[in-house]
C-alpha atoms as a PDB file:
ATOM      1  CA  MET A   1     124.565  55.508 -37.792  1.00  0.00           C
ATOM      2  CA  LYS A   2     123.451  58.732 -39.316  1.00  0.00           C
ATOM      3  CA  THR A   3     125.750  57.567 -42.376  1.00  0.00           C
ATOM      4  CA  THR A   4     123.467  54.469 -42.653  1.00  0.00           C
ATOM      5  CA  ILE A   5     120.316  56.568 -42.406  1.00  0.00           C
ATOM      6  CA  ALA A   6     121.367  58.768 -45.129  1.00  0.00           C
ATOM      7  CA  VAL A   7     121.859  55.720 -47.330  1.00  0.00           C
ATOM      8  CA  MET A   8     118.738  54.403 -46.605  1.00  0.00           C
ATOM      9  CA  THR A   9     117.162  57.649 -47.457  1.00  0.00           C
ATOM     10  CA  ALA A  10     118.942  57.861 -50.772  1.00  0.00           C
ATOM     11  CA  LEU A  11     117.960  54.042 -51.265  1.00  0.00           C
ATOM     12  CA  PHE A  12     114.155  55.146 -50.815  1.00  0.00           C
ATOM     13  CA  ALA A  13     114.627  58.295 -52.868  1.00  0.00           C
ATOM     14  CA  ALA A  14     115.914  55.955 -56.044  1.00  0.00           C
ATOM     15  CA  LEU A  15     112.941  53.485 -55.464  1.00  0.00           C
ATOM     16  CA  PHE A  16     110.734  56.321 -56.103  1.00  0.00           C
ATOM     17  CA  VAL A  17     112.303  58.023 -58.678  1.00  0.00           C
ATOM     18  CA  LEU A  18     112.884  54.424 -60.783  1.00  0.00           C
ATOM     19  CA  SER A  19     109.069  53.286 -59.638  1.00  0.00           C
ATOM     20  CA  PRO A  20     106.189  53.891 -62.309  1.00  0.00           C
ATOM     21  CA  LEU A  21     104.620  54.847 -59.123  1.00  0.00           C
ATOM     22  CA  ALA A  22     106.329  57.602 -58.387  1.00  0.00           C
ATOM     23  CA  ALA A  23     104.983  60.629 -60.097  1.00  0.00           C
ATOM     24  CA  ALA A  24     104.015  63.910 -60.575  1.00  0.00           C
ATOM     25  CA  ALA A  25     102.500  66.764 -58.428  1.00  0.00           C
ATOM     26  CA  GLY A  26      99.531  64.707 -57.954  1.00  0.00           C
ATOM     27  CA  SER A  27      97.297  61.900 -58.882  1.00  0.00           C
ATOM     28  CA  VAL A  28      94.132  61.361 -60.892  1.00  0.00           C
ATOM     29  CA  THR A  29      91.579  58.911 -60.188  1.00  0.00           C
ATOM     30  CA  VAL A  30      88.635  58.029 -63.065  1.00  0.00           C
ATOM     31  CA  GLY A  31      85.578  55.982 -62.585  1.00  0.00           C
ATOM     32  CA  THR A  32      82.296  55.478 -64.333  1.00  0.00           C
ATOM     33  CA  ASP A  33      78.753  55.230 -62.941  1.00  0.00           C
ATOM     34  CA  LYS A  34      78.268  51.507 -64.013  1.00  0.00           C
ATOM     35  CA  ALA A  35      80.534  48.538 -65.073  1.00  0.00           C
ATOM     36  CA  SER A  36      78.731  47.869 -68.164  1.00  0.00           C
ATOM     37  CA  TYR A  37      76.603  49.619 -70.908  1.00  0.00           C
ATOM     38  CA  THR A  38      74.234  48.273 -73.901  1.00  0.00           C
ATOM     39  CA  GLY A  39      73.164  50.318 -77.070  1.00  0.00           C
ATOM     40  CA  SER A  40      72.369  53.784 -76.846  1.00  0.00           C
ATOM     41  CA  ALA A  41      72.896  54.245 -73.122  1.00  0.00           C
ATOM     42  CA  ILE A  42      74.248  57.470 -71.110  1.00  0.00           C
ATOM     43  CA  VAL A  43      77.801  56.939 -69.763  1.00  0.00           C
ATOM     44  CA  THR A  44      78.841  59.563 -66.917  1.00  0.00           C
ATOM     45  CA  ILE A  45      82.559  60.166 -66.063  1.00  0.00           C
ATOM     46  CA  THR A  46      83.760  61.115 -62.737  1.00  0.00           C
ATOM     47  CA  VAL A  47      87.415  62.516 -62.459  1.00  0.00           C
ATOM     48  CA  THR A  48      88.932  63.324 -59.175  1.00  0.00           C
ATOM     49  CA  ALA A  49      92.486  65.421 -59.663  1.00  0.00           C
ATOM     50  CA  THR A  50      94.699  65.221 -55.673  1.00  0.00           C
ATOM     51  CA  PRO A  51      95.467  67.914 -54.606  1.00  0.00           C
ATOM     52  CA  ALA A  52      92.759  70.002 -56.560  1.00  0.00           C
ATOM     53  CA  PRO A  53      94.546  71.834 -59.229  1.00  0.00           C
ATOM     54  CA  GLY A  54      93.070  75.378 -59.089  1.00  0.00           C
ATOM     55  CA  SER A  55      91.612  77.606 -61.707  1.00  0.00           C
ATOM     56  CA  GLY A  56      92.396  77.407 -65.634  1.00  0.00           C
ATOM     57  CA  VAL A  57      93.447  73.775 -65.268  1.00  0.00           C
ATOM     58  CA  ASN A  58      91.422  71.084 -67.589  1.00  0.00           C
ATOM     59  CA  ALA A  59      91.257  67.188 -67.695  1.00  0.00           C
ATOM     60  CA  ALA A  60      91.387  65.764 -71.183  1.00  0.00           C
ATOM     61  CA  ILE A  61      89.126  63.000 -71.012  1.00  0.00           C
ATOM     62  CA  THR A  62      89.648  60.364 -74.079  1.00  0.00           C
ATOM     63  CA  VAL A  63      87.768  57.116 -74.320  1.00  0.00           C
ATOM     64  CA  THR A  64      88.879  54.565 -76.666  1.00  0.00           C
ATOM     65  CA  ASN A  65      87.416  51.134 -78.271  1.00  0.00           C
ATOM     66  CA  PRO A  66      88.679  47.643 -77.940  1.00  0.00           C
ATOM     67  CA  ASN A  67      90.600  48.123 -81.166  1.00  0.00           C
ATOM     68  CA  GLY A  68      92.443  51.259 -79.605  1.00  0.00           C
ATOM     69  CA  GLN A  69      90.282  53.435 -81.744  1.00  0.00           C
ATOM     70  CA  THR A  70      89.066  56.942 -80.031  1.00  0.00           C
ATOM     71  CA  VAL A  71      84.934  57.470 -79.751  1.00  0.00           C
ATOM     72  CA  VAL A  72      85.521  60.201 -77.158  1.00  0.00           C
ATOM     73  CA  THR A  73      87.479  63.044 -76.776  1.00  0.00           C
ATOM     74  CA  GLN A  74      86.438  65.967 -73.940  1.00  0.00           C
ATOM     75  CA  PRO A  75      88.478  68.536 -71.888  1.00  0.00           C
ATOM     76  CA  VAL A  76      86.650  69.529 -68.613  1.00  0.00           C
ATOM     77  CA  SER A  77      87.497  71.802 -65.895  1.00  0.00           C
ATOM     78  CA  ILE A  78      89.046  70.519 -62.936  1.00  0.00           C
ATOM     79  CA  ALA A  79      89.777  73.018 -60.779  1.00  0.00           C
ATOM     80  CA  SER A  80      88.174  72.332 -57.758  1.00  0.00           C
ATOM     81  CA  GLY A  81      89.685  68.864 -57.618  1.00  0.00           C
ATOM     82  CA  SER A  82      86.574  67.019 -59.433  1.00  0.00           C
ATOM     83  CA  ALA A  83      84.801  67.005 -62.689  1.00  0.00           C
ATOM     84  CA  THR A  84      82.003  64.686 -64.615  1.00  0.00           C
ATOM     85  CA  TYR A  85      81.388  64.097 -67.989  1.00  0.00           C
ATOM     86  CA  SER A  86      78.305  62.358 -69.437  1.00  0.00           C
ATOM     87  CA  PHE A  87      77.650  61.569 -73.186  1.00  0.00           C
ATOM     88  CA  THR A  88      75.661  58.838 -75.085  1.00  0.00           C
ATOM     89  CA  ALA A  89      77.273  55.504 -76.027  1.00  0.00           C
ATOM     90  CA  GLY A  90      76.747  54.140 -79.649  1.00  0.00           C
ATOM     91  CA  GLY A  91      75.746  56.086 -82.552  1.00  0.00           C
ATOM     92  CA  THR A  92      78.836  54.860 -84.669  1.00  0.00           C
ATOM     93  CA  THR A  93      80.094  51.827 -86.451  1.00  0.00           C
ATOM     94  CA  ALA A  94      83.321  52.310 -83.817  1.00  0.00           C
ATOM     95  CA  TRP A  95      80.904  51.597 -80.914  1.00  0.00           C
ATOM     96  CA  ILE A  96      81.523  47.632 -80.940  1.00  0.00           C
ATOM     97  CA  SER A  97      81.084  45.380 -78.244  1.00  0.00           C
ATOM     98  CA  GLY A  98      83.773  44.794 -76.032  1.00  0.00           C
ATOM     99  CA  ILE A  99      86.030  46.257 -73.182  1.00  0.00           C
ATOM    100  CA  TYR A 100      86.508  50.647 -73.585  1.00  0.00           C
ATOM    101  CA  THR A 101      89.397  52.552 -71.770  1.00  0.00           C
ATOM    102  CA  VAL A 102      88.930  56.072 -70.241  1.00  0.00           C
ATOM    103  CA  THR A 103      91.678  57.947 -69.477  1.00  0.00           C
ATOM    104  CA  ALA A 104      91.746  61.486 -68.006  1.00  0.00           C
ATOM    105  CA  ALA A 105      94.919  63.266 -67.963  1.00  0.00           C
ATOM    106  CA  VAL A 106      95.868  66.607 -65.900  1.00  0.00           C
ATOM    107  CA  PRO A 107      98.840  68.747 -66.590  1.00  0.00           C
ATOM    108  CA  ASN A 108     101.625  67.928 -64.082  1.00  0.00           C
ATOM    109  CA  TYR A 109     100.042  65.184 -62.651  1.00  0.00           C
ATOM    110  CA  SER A 110      99.898  61.087 -62.750  1.00  0.00           C
ATOM    111  CA  PRO A 111      97.233  60.295 -65.536  1.00  0.00           C
ATOM    112  CA  GLY A 112      94.113  57.908 -64.312  1.00  0.00           C
ATOM    113  CA  SER A 113      92.257  55.279 -66.229  1.00  0.00           C
ATOM    114  CA  THR A 114      89.539  52.913 -65.587  1.00  0.00           C
ATOM    115  CA  THR A 115      87.477  50.555 -68.343  1.00  0.00           C
ATOM    116  CA  PHE A 116      83.904  49.445 -68.742  1.00  0.00           C
ATOM    117  CA  GLY A 117      82.512  46.907 -70.739  1.00  0.00           C
ATOM    118  CA  TYR A 118      79.746  47.887 -73.896  1.00  0.00           C
ATOM    119  CA  THR A 119      77.482  45.224 -75.779  1.00  0.00           C
ATOM    120  CA  SER A 120      76.154  46.930 -79.077  1.00  0.00           C
ATOM    121  CA  THR A 121      72.887  46.289 -80.470  1.00  0.00           C
ATOM    122  CA  GLY A 122      74.021  46.660 -83.827  1.00  0.00           C
ATOM    123  CA  GLY A 123      75.763  43.478 -84.715  1.00  0.00           C
ATOM    124  CA  GLY A 124      79.494  44.915 -84.062  1.00  0.00           C
ATOM    125  CA  GLY A 125      82.082  43.527 -82.486  1.00  0.00           C
ATOM    126  CA  THR A 126      82.395  40.529 -80.025  1.00  0.00           C
ATOM    127  CA  GLY A 127      79.041  40.199 -78.835  1.00  0.00           C
ATOM    128  CA  GLY A 128      79.364  37.817 -76.054  1.00  0.00           C
ATOM    129  CA  TYR A 129      78.008  39.084 -72.720  1.00  0.00           C
ATOM    130  CA  ASN A 130      79.450  36.281 -70.524  1.00  0.00           C
ATOM    131  CA  VAL A 131      82.844  37.272 -72.453  1.00  0.00           C
ATOM    132  CA  THR A 132      82.241  40.770 -72.082  1.00  0.00           C
ATOM    133  CA  LYS A 133      82.029  40.251 -68.133  1.00  0.00           C
ATOM    134  CA  ALA A 134      84.594  38.038 -68.086  1.00  0.00           C
ATOM    135  CA  LEU A 135      86.841  40.847 -69.569  1.00  0.00           C
ATOM    136  CA  VAL A 136      85.043  43.412 -67.344  1.00  0.00           C
ATOM    137  CA  ASP A 137      86.185  41.474 -63.999  1.00  0.00           C
ATOM    138  CA  LEU A 138      89.779  41.063 -65.581  1.00  0.00           C
ATOM    139  CA  GLN A 139      89.692  44.882 -65.807  1.00  0.00           C
ATOM    140  CA  GLY A 140      88.210  45.292 -62.078  1.00  0.00           C
ATOM    141  CA  ASN A 141      90.972  42.900 -60.930  1.00  0.00           C
ATOM    142  CA  LEU A 142      93.735  45.164 -62.506  1.00  0.00           C
ATOM    143  CA  THR A 143      91.782  48.021 -60.628  1.00  0.00           C
ATOM    144  CA  ALA A 144      92.026  46.541 -57.340  1.00  0.00           C
ATOM    145  CA  LEU A 145      95.797  45.634 -58.043  1.00  0.00           C
ATOM    146  CA  LYS A 146      96.707  49.408 -58.974  1.00  0.00           C
ATOM    147  CA  ALA A 147      94.646  50.381 -55.445  1.00  0.00           C
ATOM    148  CA  GLN A 148      97.232  47.928 -53.826  1.00  0.00           C
ATOM    149  CA  PHE A 149     100.076  49.880 -55.539  1.00  0.00           C
ATOM    150  CA  THR A 150      98.979  53.360 -54.183  1.00  0.00           C
ATOM    151  CA  ALA A 151      98.830  51.802 -50.817  1.00  0.00           C
ATOM    152  CA  LEU A 152     102.205  50.548 -50.996  1.00  0.00           C
ATOM    153  CA  GLN A 153     103.337  53.974 -52.060  1.00  0.00           C
ATOM    154  CA  ALA A 154     101.596  55.580 -49.104  1.00  0.00           C
ATOM    155  CA  GLN A 155     103.467  53.254 -46.918  1.00  0.00           C
ATOM    156  CA  PHE A 156     106.427  54.308 -48.652  1.00  0.00           C
ATOM    157  CA  THR A 157     105.927  57.820 -47.956  1.00  0.00           C
ATOM    158  CA  THR A 158     105.308  57.165 -44.380  1.00  0.00           C
ATOM    159  CA  MET A 159     108.551  54.846 -44.237  1.00  0.00           C
ATOM    160  CA  GLN A 160     109.820  58.061 -45.594  1.00  0.00           C
ATOM    161  CA  GLY A 161     108.880  60.429 -42.408  1.00  0.00           C
ATOM    162  CA  GLN A 162     109.820  57.612 -39.830  1.00  0.00           C
ATOM    163  CA  ILE A 163     113.395  57.652 -41.214  1.00  0.00           C
ATOM    164  CA  THR A 164     113.395  61.330 -40.761  1.00  0.00           C
ATOM    165  CA  ALA A 165     112.153  61.515 -37.424  1.00  0.00           C
ATOM    166  CA  LEU A 166     115.052  58.975 -36.801  1.00  0.00           C
ATOM    167  CA  GLN A 167     117.616  61.106 -37.989  1.00  0.00           C
ATOM    168  CA  SER A 168     116.361  63.583 -35.158  1.00  0.00           C
ATOM    169  CA  ASN A 169     116.093  60.578 -32.374  1.00  0.00           C
ATOM    170  CA  ASP A 170     119.736  58.918 -32.280  1.00  0.00           C
ATOM    171  CA  ALA A 171     118.784  57.093 -29.146  1.00  0.00           C
ATOM    172  CA  ALA A 172     115.659  54.899 -31.040  1.00  0.00           C
ATOM    173  CA  GLU A 173     117.524  54.469 -34.492  1.00  0.00           C
ATOM    174  CA  SER A 174     119.038  51.352 -34.521  1.00  0.00           C
ATOM    175  CA  HIS A 175     115.658  49.302 -33.370  1.00  0.00           C
ATOM    176  CA  ASN A 176     113.789  51.559 -35.649  1.00  0.00           C
ATOM    177  CA  MET A 177     115.775  50.625 -38.856  1.00  0.00           C
ATOM    178  CA  THR A 178     116.009  46.977 -38.127  1.00  0.00           C
ATOM    179  CA  VAL A 179     112.384  47.352 -38.040  1.00  0.00           C
ATOM    180  CA  LEU A 180     112.285  49.531 -41.073  1.00  0.00           C
ATOM    181  CA  SER A 181     114.716  47.189 -42.870  1.00  0.00           C
ATOM    182  CA  ALA A 182     112.305  44.344 -42.705  1.00  0.00           C
ATOM    183  CA  ALA A 183     109.262  46.267 -43.796  1.00  0.00           C
ATOM    184  CA  LEU A 184     111.024  47.181 -46.734  1.00  0.00           C
ATOM    185  CA  THR A 185     111.782  43.614 -47.776  1.00  0.00           C
ATOM    186  CA  ALA A 186     108.300  42.419 -46.855  1.00  0.00           C
ATOM    187  CA  LEU A 187     107.132  45.336 -49.290  1.00  0.00           C
ATOM    188  CA  SER A 188     109.263  44.498 -51.745  1.00  0.00           C
ATOM    189  CA  GLY A 189     108.506  40.900 -51.836  1.00  0.00           C
ATOM    190  CA  GLN A 190     104.384  42.336 -52.315  1.00  0.00           C
ATOM    191  CA  VAL A 191     105.705  44.785 -55.165  1.00  0.00           C
ATOM    192  CA  THR A 192     107.375  41.782 -56.934  1.00  0.00           C
ATOM    193  CA  THR A 193     104.258  39.513 -56.372  1.00  0.00           C
ATOM    194  CA  LEU A 194     101.609  42.080 -57.528  1.00  0.00           C
ATOM    195  CA  SER A 195     103.731  42.860 -60.911  1.00  0.00           C
ATOM    196  CA  GLY A 196     103.600  39.028 -61.905  1.00  0.00           C
ATOM    197  CA  ASN A 197      99.944  39.106 -61.191  1.00  0.00           C
ATOM    198  CA  VAL A 198      99.416  42.308 -63.246  1.00  0.00           C
ATOM    199  CA  GLN A 199     101.561  40.432 -66.330  1.00  0.00           C
ATOM    200  CA  THR A 200      99.151  37.318 -65.787  1.00  0.00           C
ATOM    201  CA  ILE A 201      96.252  39.017 -66.239  1.00  0.00           C
ATOM    202  CA  SER A 202      97.446  41.184 -69.457  1.00  0.00           C
ATOM    203  CA  ASN A 203      98.281  37.726 -70.615  1.00  0.00           C
ATOM    204  CA  ASN A 204      94.744  36.409 -69.960  1.00  0.00           C
ATOM    205  CA  LEU A 205      93.522  39.351 -71.478  1.00  0.00           C
ATOM    206  CA  GLY A 206      95.353  38.874 -74.808  1.00  0.00           C
ATOM    207  CA  THR A 207      94.580  35.243 -75.087  1.00  0.00           C
ATOM    208  CA  LEU A 208      90.562  36.096 -74.156  1.00  0.00           C
ATOM    209  CA  THR A 209      90.633  38.724 -77.099  1.00  0.00           C
ATOM    210  CA  GLY A 210      92.162  35.894 -79.528  1.00  0.00           C
ATOM    211  CA  ASN A 211      88.978  33.855 -78.219  1.00  0.00           C
ATOM    212  CA  VAL A 212      86.716  36.354 -79.026  1.00  0.00           C
ATOM    213  CA  GLY A 213      87.689  36.911 -82.453  1.00  0.00           C
ATOM    214  CA  THR A 214      87.380  33.028 -83.098  1.00  0.00           C
ATOM    215  CA  LEU A 215      84.004  33.192 -81.255  1.00  0.00           C
ATOM    216  CA  GLN A 216      82.947  36.230 -83.512  1.00  0.00           C
ATOM    217  CA  THR A 217      83.915  34.223 -86.697  1.00  0.00           C
ATOM    218  CA  ALA A 218      82.265  31.103 -85.660  1.00  0.00           C
ATOM    219  CA  VAL A 219      79.054  33.228 -84.847  1.00  0.00           C
ATOM    220  CA  THR A 220      79.223  34.375 -88.724  1.00  0.00           C
ATOM    221  CA  SER A 221      79.377  30.813 -89.865  1.00  0.00           C
ATOM    222  CA  MET A 222      76.613  29.676 -88.211  1.00  0.00           C
ATOM    223  CA  GLN A 223      74.581  32.923 -89.205  1.00  0.00           C
ATOM    224  CA  GLY A 224      75.445  31.408 -92.588  1.00  0.00           C
ATOM    225  CA  GLN A 225      74.213  27.904 -92.063  1.00  0.00           C
ATOM    226  CA  LEU A 226      70.867  29.195 -90.357  1.00  0.00           C
ATOM    227  CA  THR A 227      69.955  31.221 -93.105  1.00  0.00           C
ATOM    228  CA  THR A 228      70.624  27.813 -95.915  1.00  0.00           C
ATOM    229  CA  ILE A 229      68.561  25.749 -93.590  1.00  0.00           C
ATOM    230  CA  SER A 230      65.980  28.400 -93.532  1.00  0.00           C
ATOM    231  CA  GLY A 231      65.566  28.708 -97.012  1.00  0.00           C
ATOM    232  CA  ASN A 232      65.804  25.109 -97.579  1.00  0.00           C
ATOM    233  CA  ILE A 233      62.792  24.890 -95.097  1.00  0.00           C
ATOM    234  CA  ASN A 234      61.038  27.452 -97.185  1.00  0.00           C
ATOM    235  CA  THR A 235      61.599  25.194-100.197  1.00  0.00           C
ATOM    236  CA  LEU A 236      60.135  22.044 -98.723  1.00  0.00           C
ATOM    237  CA  ASN A 237      57.424  23.562 -97.271  1.00  0.00           C
ATOM    238  CA  THR A 238      56.821  24.954-101.174  1.00  0.00           C
ATOM    239  CA  ALA A 239      57.309  21.454-102.583  1.00  0.00           C
ATOM    240  CA  VAL A 240      54.857  20.060 -99.795  1.00  0.00           C
ATOM    241  CA  GLN A 241      52.150  22.097-100.529  1.00  0.00           C
ATOM    242  CA  GLN A 242      52.284  21.625-104.312  1.00  0.00           C
ATOM    243  CA  ALA A 243      52.442  18.276-103.416  1.00  0.00           C
ATOM    244  CA  GLN A 244      49.338  18.490-101.262  1.00  0.00           C
ATOM    245  CA  ALA A 245      47.355  20.537-103.880  1.00  0.00           C
ATOM    246  CA  ALA A 246      48.601  17.775-106.703  1.00  0.00           C
ATOM    247  CA  ALA A 247      46.779  14.951-104.103  1.00  0.00           C
ATOM    248  CA  THR A 248      43.916  16.830-104.131  1.00  0.00           C
ATOM    249  CA  ALA A 249      43.367  17.338-107.594  1.00  0.00           C
ATOM    250  CA  ALA A 250      44.053  13.561-108.531  1.00  0.00           C
ATOM    251  CA  GLU A 251      41.127  12.744-105.694  1.00  0.00           C
ATOM    252  CA  THR A 252      38.496  14.856-107.360  1.00  0.00           C
ATOM    253  CA  ALA A 253      39.649  13.485-111.081  1.00  0.00           C
ATOM    254  CA  ALA A 254      39.222   9.997-109.287  1.00  0.00           C
ATOM    255  CA  ASN A 255      35.577  10.559-107.277  1.00  0.00           C
ATOM    256  CA  ASN A 256      34.626  12.083-111.213  1.00  0.00           C
ATOM    257  CA  ALA A 257      35.880   9.230-112.929  1.00  0.00           C
ATOM    258  CA  ASN A 258      33.652   7.000-110.615  1.00  0.00           C
ATOM    259  CA  ASN A 259      30.585   8.882-110.872  1.00  0.00           C
ATOM    260  CA  SER A 260      31.113   8.661-114.603  1.00  0.00           C
ATOM    261  CA  VAL A 261      31.500   4.733-114.709  1.00  0.00           C
ATOM    262  CA  SER A 262      28.522   4.477-112.359  1.00  0.00           C
ATOM    263  CA  SER A 263      26.331   6.329-114.856  1.00  0.00           C
ATOM    264  CA  THR A 264      27.640   3.968-117.605  1.00  0.00           C
ATOM    265  CA  GLN A 265      26.773   0.720-115.974  1.00  0.00           C
ATOM    266  CA  THR A 266      23.226   2.211-114.966  1.00  0.00           C
ATOM    267  CA  TYR A 267      22.896   3.270-118.850  1.00  0.00           C
ATOM    268  CA  VAL A 268      23.875  -0.352-120.157  1.00  0.00           C
ATOM    269  CA  LEU A 269      21.449  -2.251-117.653  1.00  0.00           C
ATOM    270  CA  VAL A 270      18.652  -0.370-118.567  1.00  0.00           C
ATOM    271  CA  VAL A 271      19.434  -1.117-122.384  1.00  0.00           C
ATOM    272  CA  ALA A 272      20.047  -5.053-121.654  1.00  0.00           C
ATOM    273  CA  VAL A 273      16.478  -4.913-120.054  1.00  0.00           C
ATOM    274  CA  LEU A 274      15.024  -3.215-123.068  1.00  0.00           C
ATOM    275  CA  ALA A 275      16.408  -5.484-125.043  1.00  0.00           C
ATOM    276  CA  ALA A 276      15.494  -8.895-122.979  1.00  0.00           C
ATOM    277  CA  ILE A 277      11.831  -7.356-123.082  1.00  0.00           C
ATOM    278  CA  THR A 278      12.085  -6.891-126.787  1.00  0.00           C
ATOM    279  CA  LEU A 279      13.025 -10.525-127.192  1.00  0.00           C
ATOM    280  CA  VAL A 280      10.406 -11.620-125.085  1.00  0.00           C
ATOM    281  CA  LEU A 281       7.783 -10.162-127.451  1.00  0.00           C
ATOM    282  CA  GLU A 282       9.209 -11.312-130.491  1.00  0.00           C
ATOM    283  CA  LEU A 283       9.458 -14.811-129.262  1.00  0.00           C
ATOM    284  CA  ALA A 284       5.887 -14.618-128.265  1.00  0.00           C
ATOM    285  CA  ILE A 285       4.549 -13.114-131.546  1.00  0.00           C
ATOM    286  CA  LEU A 286       6.255 -15.998-133.191  1.00  0.00           C
ATOM    287  CA  VAL A 287       4.817 -18.832-131.042  1.00  0.00           C
ATOM    288  CA  ARG A 288       1.460 -17.127-131.767  1.00  0.00           C
ATOM    289  CA  LYS A 289       2.142 -17.328-135.584  1.00  0.00           C
ATOM    290  CA  LEU A 290       3.283 -20.863-135.451  1.00  0.00           C
ATOM    291  CA  SER A 291       0.038 -22.105-133.676  1.00  0.00           C
END
């Protein structure tokens, strides 16, 4: 039975050596004070190293944009086991809208990372708030999955301790080994499921990134069309104003012509009356001469 325990111990050791969760002298976790930021917001990063590394040790903080371009890099002292660093987002063309990755590396520690969403007010990047939120949510799911992996690692550690205890307790080792074997099988299934979920989410992130590029192209095209339509509306307004001015001028000319016709008719009537009076007078004179 002791040989069986030794074999199981070796298997557990191999699992931890081959697992990406196996690591080093300690672990590093990274967090931000908000899930997303806009414009020239203040971003505060918190780094925790477990256990505390002691004096003279720094954590190298790096922030990269959605294209993988580094926008912030800063070493901070992590001697006490925790550190914070604040900076102002934006200010350069590298600050585009999308998901940013924050990593912190401490010598001989497993590195930590997290993400946050950023919306640029300068018009670069994806620009879509809902899309950005969806990416942030997916990154949150990945963070939750990493936490589950950490919990599984703790369970493996506990099981190792139980195996060590079994080595000094031959009376109960058979039953406990059966229980531990079943637990190990269940944990292996959970690890496989979680790995599949992580791969699915990574694929979805790739698809969303492509969709964001397509949306950006469509928005740019629509902006060009809106600019053209705006120019056409301004041209049409100018033409309408010119037509209104021409109509006003035509109305004024018509009124002037009407007034001129009325004056002409009055003059002709007066002349006709005078001619009639003259004719009557001449007829009267002619009649008188004849009589």
